[in-house]
Amino acid sequence: MKAAAVQMDIKILALEYNLNRILSRLEQAAKAGAKLVVFPECALTGYCFVSREEAAPVAEEVPGPSTEAILAAARTLDCTVVVGLLEREGDQIFNSAAVVTPQGILGTYRKLHLPCLGIDWHTALGDKSFPVFSTPQGKIGISICYDCSFPETGRILKLNGAQILAIPTNWPLGSDTWQHTPPVRATENHIYVIACDRVGEERGFRFAGHSQIVDCTGAVLAEAGETEETILYAEIDPAMADRNRVIRQAGVWEFDRIANRRPEIYGTLTGSPDVP
C-alpha cells in the first residue's frame, strides 16, 4: 500500500483557504496512488493562537462542514485521511485529528499531552485515551506532536492493535524531536510511523519540516527537508507490524520486543508494586 504525508504551509484563521489546499493535495496524493494520506497538526486552522476566543471561530464539531468535505473527497478518491483540526464539543475546544475513510468519519483522537505553546495553552486535555481506528488501510493509532514525546503513547497503541502510528505535528524549528522520535517509536513498538510536520512561519515561529515515513524496523523510507512543501510517499505493508518476532539469524539471533516485555516488574509506571 502506498502511504503519503503532506508537508505543507498553513495559514492561521483561514479555514476555507486551508481546506481547499488540503483537498487539492489529497487529490494529488490519491492520483499518485496513495491510499492513506496524513496531514499536519491543526492543518485546517493554524496553531499559534493567543487565546481560546481567537481560536473559537475556526473550531468545528466533528462531523462538521470541513470533515464532511473531506469525507466527500475520500469517497471519490477511495482513500483514508488523517487530518489535524480544532474540534469543538459543547463549550470545549480540543486539538484533534480526524480519521476519515470512504466509508465515513470514524472519529477523532484528542491530544492528551499539552505543552505550553500555541493553541495548546488554550485547549482542553484530550479525553479519548488511545483509540485505534480500523480502516481499509490497516489499524491506525494517533499521537499528536508532543504526545509522541511520551513512549507510553506508542506502546499502548501498539498493545491495542495499531499497525500504523500517525503523528500529525507542528514541530517548531529548534526542536530535535524529528531527528530521533519517529525511528525510535517505530523500532521499539515494531510499528509503521507516518510523521507529518508543517513548514513555513506563523507569528514568529518557523516550523521544522522533516516529515518522515518509517517502517517497523526503524528504517526511514522517506523524509522531507526543512522548508519545502511536498508530499512524501512510501510503500508500506501494515501486516508486517503484526509479525513482532525479528529473526536476524534463525536460532542464533531472534527477538520480540512485545513478547519479551516484563509487565510484572514495570509497576513504577502504573503505581502498582513491582513483583520482587
Protein backbone atom coordinates (compact mmCIF):
# COMPACT_ATOMS: atom_id res chain seq x y z
CA MET A 1 0.00 0.00 0.00
CA LYS A 2 1.25 3.49 -0.79
CA ALA A 3 1.07 5.94 2.12
CA ALA A 4 1.60 9.69 1.95
CA ALA A 5 2.49 12.55 4.29
CA VAL A 6 1.55 16.02 3.08
CA GLN A 7 4.11 18.56 4.34
CA MET A 8 2.51 21.96 3.77
CA ASP A 9 2.32 25.55 4.93
CA ILE A 10 -0.83 26.59 6.79
CA LYS A 11 -2.46 29.98 7.33
CA ILE A 12 -3.87 30.81 10.74
CA LEU A 13 -7.58 31.68 10.91
CA ALA A 14 -8.03 30.80 7.21
CA LEU A 15 -10.32 27.78 7.36
CA GLU A 16 -11.63 27.89 3.78
CA TYR A 17 -8.14 28.54 2.34
CA ASN A 18 -6.58 25.67 4.29
CA LEU A 19 -9.44 23.31 3.47
CA ASN A 20 -9.13 23.99 -0.26
CA ARG A 21 -5.39 23.30 -0.14
CA ILE A 22 -5.95 20.10 1.83
CA LEU A 23 -8.48 18.89 -0.74
CA SER A 24 -6.13 19.77 -3.60
CA ARG A 25 -3.20 17.90 -2.06
CA LEU A 26 -5.40 14.98 -1.14
CA GLU A 27 -6.41 14.66 -4.77
CA GLN A 28 -2.77 14.92 -5.86
CA ALA A 29 -1.70 12.21 -3.42
CA ALA A 30 -4.57 9.90 -4.35
CA LYS A 31 -3.87 10.28 -8.06
CA ALA A 32 -0.28 9.25 -7.30
CA GLY A 33 -1.65 6.05 -5.80
CA ALA A 34 -1.74 6.87 -2.08
CA LYS A 35 -4.43 5.04 -0.11
CA LEU A 36 -3.56 6.62 3.27
CA VAL A 37 -2.83 10.35 3.46
CA VAL A 38 -1.70 12.13 6.64
CA PHE A 39 -1.79 15.91 7.13
CA PRO A 40 -0.15 18.08 9.84
CA GLU A 41 -1.45 19.07 13.24
CA CYS A 42 -4.03 21.89 13.04
CA ALA A 43 -3.86 21.72 9.26
CA LEU A 44 -7.30 23.29 8.96
CA THR A 45 -6.80 26.17 11.37
CA GLY A 46 -3.21 27.12 12.17
CA TYR A 47 -1.63 26.72 15.57
CA CYS A 48 -0.24 29.91 17.16
CA PHE A 49 -3.39 31.33 18.70
CA VAL A 50 -3.15 33.85 21.53
CA SER A 51 -6.45 32.95 23.20
CA ARG A 52 -9.29 30.47 23.17
CA GLU A 53 -11.59 33.26 21.99
CA GLU A 54 -9.44 33.87 18.93
CA ALA A 55 -9.47 30.17 18.02
CA ALA A 56 -13.18 29.60 18.62
CA PRO A 57 -14.42 30.78 15.18
CA VAL A 58 -12.38 28.13 13.34
CA ALA A 59 -13.13 25.25 15.73
CA GLU A 60 -15.71 22.81 14.35
CA GLU A 61 -17.73 19.89 15.56
CA VAL A 62 -16.95 16.52 14.01
CA PRO A 63 -18.78 15.69 11.82
CA GLY A 64 -18.86 19.26 10.60
CA PRO A 65 -18.52 21.24 7.35
CA SER A 66 -14.79 20.64 6.86
CA THR A 67 -14.74 16.96 7.73
CA GLU A 68 -17.84 16.39 5.58
CA ALA A 69 -16.00 17.98 2.64
CA ILE A 70 -13.00 15.74 3.30
CA LEU A 71 -15.32 12.72 3.53
CA ALA A 72 -16.79 13.52 0.11
CA ALA A 73 -13.28 13.68 -1.33
CA ALA A 74 -12.22 10.46 0.42
CA ARG A 75 -15.19 8.66 -1.11
CA THR A 76 -14.44 9.98 -4.59
CA LEU A 77 -10.73 9.22 -4.32
CA ASP A 78 -11.08 5.95 -2.36
CA CYS A 79 -8.53 6.77 0.33
CA THR A 80 -8.25 7.26 4.09
CA VAL A 81 -7.29 10.64 5.56
CA VAL A 82 -5.85 11.72 8.92
CA VAL A 83 -6.10 15.50 9.33
CA GLY A 84 -5.43 17.87 12.21
CA LEU A 85 -8.06 20.40 13.31
CA LEU A 86 -9.53 22.19 16.29
CA GLU A 87 -12.57 20.24 17.43
CA ARG A 88 -15.46 21.82 19.28
CA GLU A 89 -17.64 19.85 21.66
CA GLY A 90 -20.02 21.89 23.76
CA ASP A 91 -18.02 24.72 25.27
CA GLN A 92 -14.69 22.89 24.95
CA ILE A 93 -12.06 23.01 22.21
CA PHE A 94 -9.65 20.13 21.59
CA ASN A 95 -6.52 19.85 19.48
CA SER A 96 -7.66 16.84 17.46
CA ALA A 97 -7.04 14.67 14.44
CA ALA A 98 -9.96 13.27 12.46
CA VAL A 99 -9.86 9.90 10.72
CA VAL A 100 -11.91 9.84 7.53
CA THR A 101 -12.39 6.80 5.30
CA PRO A 102 -14.50 6.27 2.18
CA GLN A 103 -17.00 4.55 4.48
CA GLY A 104 -17.37 7.51 6.82
CA ILE A 105 -15.83 9.69 9.53
CA LEU A 106 -14.56 7.18 12.08
CA GLY A 107 -13.99 9.75 14.81
CA THR A 108 -11.23 11.83 16.34
CA TYR A 109 -8.22 11.49 18.56
CA ARG A 110 -7.75 14.39 21.02
CA LYS A 111 -4.25 15.43 22.06
CA LEU A 112 -3.52 14.06 25.51
CA HIS A 113 -0.33 15.95 26.44
CA LEU A 114 -0.38 19.72 26.06
CA PRO A 115 2.83 21.78 26.00
CA CYS A 116 2.89 25.46 26.91
CA LEU A 117 2.86 26.58 23.29
CA GLY A 118 0.38 27.99 20.80
CA ILE A 119 -3.18 26.75 20.89
CA ASP A 120 -2.23 24.13 23.49
CA TRP A 121 -2.25 26.88 26.13
CA HIS A 122 -5.98 27.18 25.50
CA THR A 123 -7.38 23.75 24.60
CA ALA A 124 -8.86 21.07 26.84
CA LEU A 125 -6.92 17.93 27.68
CA GLY A 126 -7.81 15.00 25.46
CA ASP A 127 -10.40 12.66 26.94
CA LYS A 128 -10.45 9.74 24.49
CA SER A 129 -7.49 7.74 25.79
CA PHE A 130 -5.86 5.71 22.97
CA PRO A 131 -8.36 4.81 20.23
CA VAL A 132 -7.25 2.58 17.36
CA PHE A 133 -9.14 3.15 14.11
CA SER A 134 -9.80 0.14 11.88
CA THR A 135 -9.59 1.38 8.30
CA PRO A 136 -9.36 -0.33 4.91
CA GLN A 137 -5.65 0.51 5.02
CA GLY A 138 -4.94 -1.02 8.41
CA LYS A 139 -5.30 -0.24 12.11
CA ILE A 140 -4.23 3.33 12.84
CA GLY A 141 -3.29 4.92 16.16
CA ILE A 142 -2.53 8.62 16.51
CA SER A 143 -0.18 10.74 18.60
CA ILE A 144 -0.31 14.49 18.02
CA CYS A 145 3.06 16.28 18.20
CA TYR A 146 4.09 16.47 21.90
CA ASP A 147 2.22 13.22 22.60
CA CYS A 148 4.97 11.25 20.92
CA SER A 149 7.50 12.54 23.48
CA PHE A 150 5.88 10.07 25.88
CA PRO A 151 6.85 6.49 24.96
CA GLU A 152 3.79 5.13 26.75
CA THR A 153 1.57 6.52 23.99
CA GLY A 154 3.12 4.48 21.20
CA ARG A 155 3.37 1.35 23.34
CA ILE A 156 -0.29 1.45 24.43
CA LEU A 157 -1.42 1.96 20.84
CA LYS A 158 0.71 -0.99 19.75
CA LEU A 159 -0.75 -3.18 22.50
CA ASN A 160 -4.22 -2.05 21.43
CA GLY A 161 -3.54 -3.42 17.96
CA ALA A 162 -2.27 -0.43 15.98
CA GLN A 163 -0.17 -1.23 12.91
CA ILE A 164 0.45 2.37 11.89
CA LEU A 165 1.22 5.31 14.18
CA ALA A 166 0.22 8.61 12.55
CA ILE A 167 1.87 11.68 14.06
CA PRO A 168 0.31 14.93 12.81
CA THR A 169 2.68 17.57 14.19
CA ASN A 170 3.79 21.21 14.25
CA TRP A 171 7.40 20.77 15.37
CA PRO A 172 8.95 24.25 15.60
CA LEU A 173 12.40 24.94 14.24
CA GLY A 174 14.83 24.26 17.08
CA SER A 175 13.06 21.09 18.16
CA ASP A 176 15.18 17.97 17.77
CA THR A 177 12.19 15.64 18.07
CA TRP A 178 12.08 14.93 14.35
CA GLN A 179 15.66 13.62 14.44
CA HIS A 180 15.03 10.88 16.96
CA THR A 181 11.41 10.19 17.80
CA PRO A 182 9.86 8.69 14.63
CA PRO A 183 12.52 5.96 14.16
CA VAL A 184 12.62 5.19 17.89
CA ARG A 185 8.84 4.86 18.22
CA ALA A 186 8.79 2.65 15.13
CA THR A 187 11.62 0.41 16.35
CA GLU A 188 10.57 -0.04 19.97
CA ASN A 189 6.98 -0.89 19.03
CA HIS A 190 7.56 -2.66 15.70
CA ILE A 191 5.06 -0.32 14.05
CA TYR A 192 4.98 1.93 10.99
CA VAL A 193 5.24 5.64 11.74
CA ILE A 194 3.99 8.45 9.49
CA ALA A 195 5.09 11.77 10.99
CA CYS A 196 3.67 14.74 9.10
CA ASP A 197 5.06 18.16 10.03
CA ARG A 198 4.30 21.56 8.56
CA VAL A 199 6.59 24.20 7.11
CA GLY A 200 6.52 27.98 6.92
CA GLU A 201 6.22 30.64 9.56
CA GLU A 202 3.37 31.66 11.86
CA ARG A 203 3.52 34.54 14.33
CA GLY A 204 7.26 34.36 14.79
CA PHE A 205 7.53 30.57 14.83
CA ARG A 206 9.20 28.72 11.98
CA PHE A 207 8.45 25.05 11.58
CA ALA A 208 10.97 22.27 11.15
CA GLY A 209 9.57 20.18 8.31
CA HIS A 210 11.38 16.84 8.08
CA SER A 211 8.20 14.80 7.76
CA GLN A 212 9.01 11.09 7.66
CA ILE A 213 7.62 7.68 6.83
CA VAL A 214 9.38 4.97 8.85
CA ASP A 215 9.00 1.21 8.68
CA CYS A 216 8.62 -1.09 11.68
CA THR A 217 12.37 -1.76 11.84
CA GLY A 218 13.10 1.96 12.23
CA ALA A 219 14.32 2.42 8.65
CA VAL A 220 13.35 5.82 7.22
CA LEU A 221 11.59 5.13 3.93
CA ALA A 222 11.07 8.79 3.01
CA GLU A 223 11.98 12.13 4.58
CA ALA A 224 11.33 15.72 3.54
CA GLY A 225 13.56 18.73 4.00
CA GLU A 226 13.11 21.73 6.26
CA THR A 227 11.39 24.30 4.09
CA GLU A 228 9.64 22.83 1.07
CA GLU A 229 6.01 21.95 0.67
CA THR A 230 5.98 18.40 -0.61
CA ILE A 231 4.19 15.08 -0.48
CA LEU A 232 6.19 12.10 0.77
CA TYR A 233 5.31 8.64 -0.48
CA ALA A 234 6.34 5.17 0.63
CA GLU A 235 5.10 1.63 0.16
CA ILE A 236 4.14 0.03 3.47
CA ASP A 237 2.73 -3.35 4.49
CA PRO A 238 0.71 -2.93 7.70
CA ALA A 239 0.55 -6.70 8.23
CA MET A 240 4.32 -6.63 8.82
CA ALA A 241 3.67 -4.73 12.05
CA ASP A 242 1.85 -7.78 13.41
CA ARG A 243 4.90 -10.01 12.90
CA ASN A 244 6.71 -8.93 16.01
CA ARG A 245 9.41 -11.59 16.09
CA VAL A 246 12.53 -10.35 14.33
CA ILE A 247 14.83 -13.08 13.05
CA ARG A 248 18.28 -11.82 12.19
CA GLN A 249 19.76 -15.33 12.18
CA ALA A 250 17.43 -18.26 12.80
CA GLY A 251 18.13 -19.99 16.09
CA VAL A 252 21.02 -17.63 16.81
CA TRP A 253 19.72 -14.07 16.88
CA GLU A 254 15.98 -13.60 17.34
CA PHE A 255 13.92 -11.21 19.46
CA ASP A 256 10.38 -9.96 20.00
CA ARG A 257 10.07 -6.56 21.69
CA ILE A 258 6.43 -7.21 22.51
CA ALA A 259 6.54 -10.82 23.75
CA ASN A 260 9.76 -10.19 25.71
CA ARG A 261 8.25 -7.42 27.85
CA ARG A 262 8.10 -7.93 31.64
CA PRO A 263 4.96 -6.05 32.75
CA GLU A 264 5.12 -7.58 36.22
CA ILE A 265 8.26 -5.55 37.01
CA TYR A 266 7.06 -2.28 35.49
CA GLY A 267 4.92 -1.31 38.47
CA THR A 268 6.56 2.10 38.77
CA LEU A 269 4.79 3.05 35.52
CA THR A 270 1.34 2.14 36.81
CA GLY A 271 1.65 2.91 40.51
CA SER A 272 1.35 -0.76 41.46
CA PRO A 273 4.00 -2.68 43.40
CA ASP A 274 6.70 -4.44 41.40
CA VAL A 275 6.93 -8.19 41.75
CA PRO A 276 10.14 -8.94 43.67
